[in-house]
Amino acid sequence: MKRSAVWFAAVYFATMAVAITFPGIRPFNTIQPYIFGIPFVFAWVLAWVGGSLVVFLFLYRAYHK
């Protein structure tokens, strides 16, 4: 369980690094669609950061069960 949690976290954070830096964020770099009053590009980054919270909770549960 611990090994799969670590691999899942590593894949998630590698994907996150690509998705919120230059090559990955380029298709989503628009202002016009607003999500809860913030531009879409900021909502995109916030979604990835919120997802990292879920991954950290998953890792915590894997190591402190």
Protein backbone atom coordinates (compact mmCIF):
# COMPACT_ATOMS: atom_id res chain seq x y z
CA MET A 1 0.00 0.00 0.00
CA LYS A 2 2.77 2.41 0.86
CA ARG A 3 4.64 1.79 -2.37
CA SER A 4 1.55 2.34 -4.53
CA ALA A 5 0.73 5.53 -2.61
CA VAL A 6 4.21 6.88 -3.24
CA TRP A 7 4.06 5.99 -6.94
CA PHE A 8 0.63 7.61 -7.26
CA ALA A 9 1.92 10.77 -5.58
CA ALA A 10 5.01 10.85 -7.78
CA VAL A 11 2.96 10.50 -10.97
CA TYR A 12 0.45 13.12 -9.78
CA PHE A 13 3.11 15.69 -8.92
CA ALA A 14 5.03 15.07 -12.15
CA THR A 15 1.80 15.60 -14.09
CA MET A 16 1.04 18.67 -11.98
CA ALA A 17 4.45 20.15 -12.76
CA VAL A 18 3.75 19.87 -16.49
CA ALA A 19 0.12 20.99 -16.24
CA ILE A 20 0.77 24.25 -14.40
CA THR A 21 3.96 25.34 -16.13
CA PHE A 22 4.41 26.76 -19.63
CA PRO A 23 3.69 23.88 -22.00
CA GLY A 24 0.77 22.45 -20.04
CA ILE A 25 -1.04 25.64 -19.10
CA ARG A 26 -0.95 27.19 -22.56
CA PRO A 27 -4.29 25.74 -23.79
CA PHE A 28 -5.99 26.85 -20.58
CA ASN A 29 -4.51 30.34 -20.46
CA THR A 30 -7.76 32.21 -21.02
CA ILE A 31 -9.47 34.81 -18.92
CA GLN A 32 -12.98 34.72 -20.31
CA PRO A 33 -14.66 31.74 -18.70
CA TYR A 34 -14.96 32.71 -15.04
CA ILE A 35 -15.29 30.01 -12.42
CA PHE A 36 -16.64 31.29 -9.10
CA GLY A 37 -15.54 34.79 -10.05
CA ILE A 38 -11.91 34.01 -10.88
CA PRO A 39 -10.37 33.61 -14.34
CA PHE A 40 -10.13 30.09 -15.71
CA VAL A 41 -6.32 29.97 -15.60
CA PHE A 42 -6.33 30.64 -11.85
CA ALA A 43 -9.07 28.07 -11.32
CA TRP A 44 -6.92 25.56 -13.25
CA VAL A 45 -3.98 26.09 -10.89
CA LEU A 46 -6.21 26.03 -7.81
CA ALA A 47 -7.73 22.74 -8.94
CA TRP A 48 -4.28 21.16 -9.15
CA VAL A 49 -3.33 22.53 -5.73
CA GLY A 50 -6.60 21.20 -4.29
CA GLY A 51 -5.84 17.85 -5.86
CA SER A 52 -2.46 17.84 -4.14
CA LEU A 53 -4.30 18.15 -0.82
CA VAL A 54 -6.15 14.93 -1.65
CA VAL A 55 -2.87 13.22 -2.59
CA PHE A 56 -1.25 14.28 0.68
CA LEU A 57 -4.24 12.97 2.63
CA PHE A 58 -3.92 9.69 0.74
CA LEU A 59 -0.22 9.49 1.64
CA TYR A 60 -0.97 10.30 5.27
CA ARG A 61 -3.57 7.52 5.46
CA ALA A 62 -1.14 5.08 3.83
CA TYR A 63 1.62 5.74 6.35
CA HIS A 64 -0.43 6.31 9.54
CA LYS A 65 -2.97 3.56 9.47
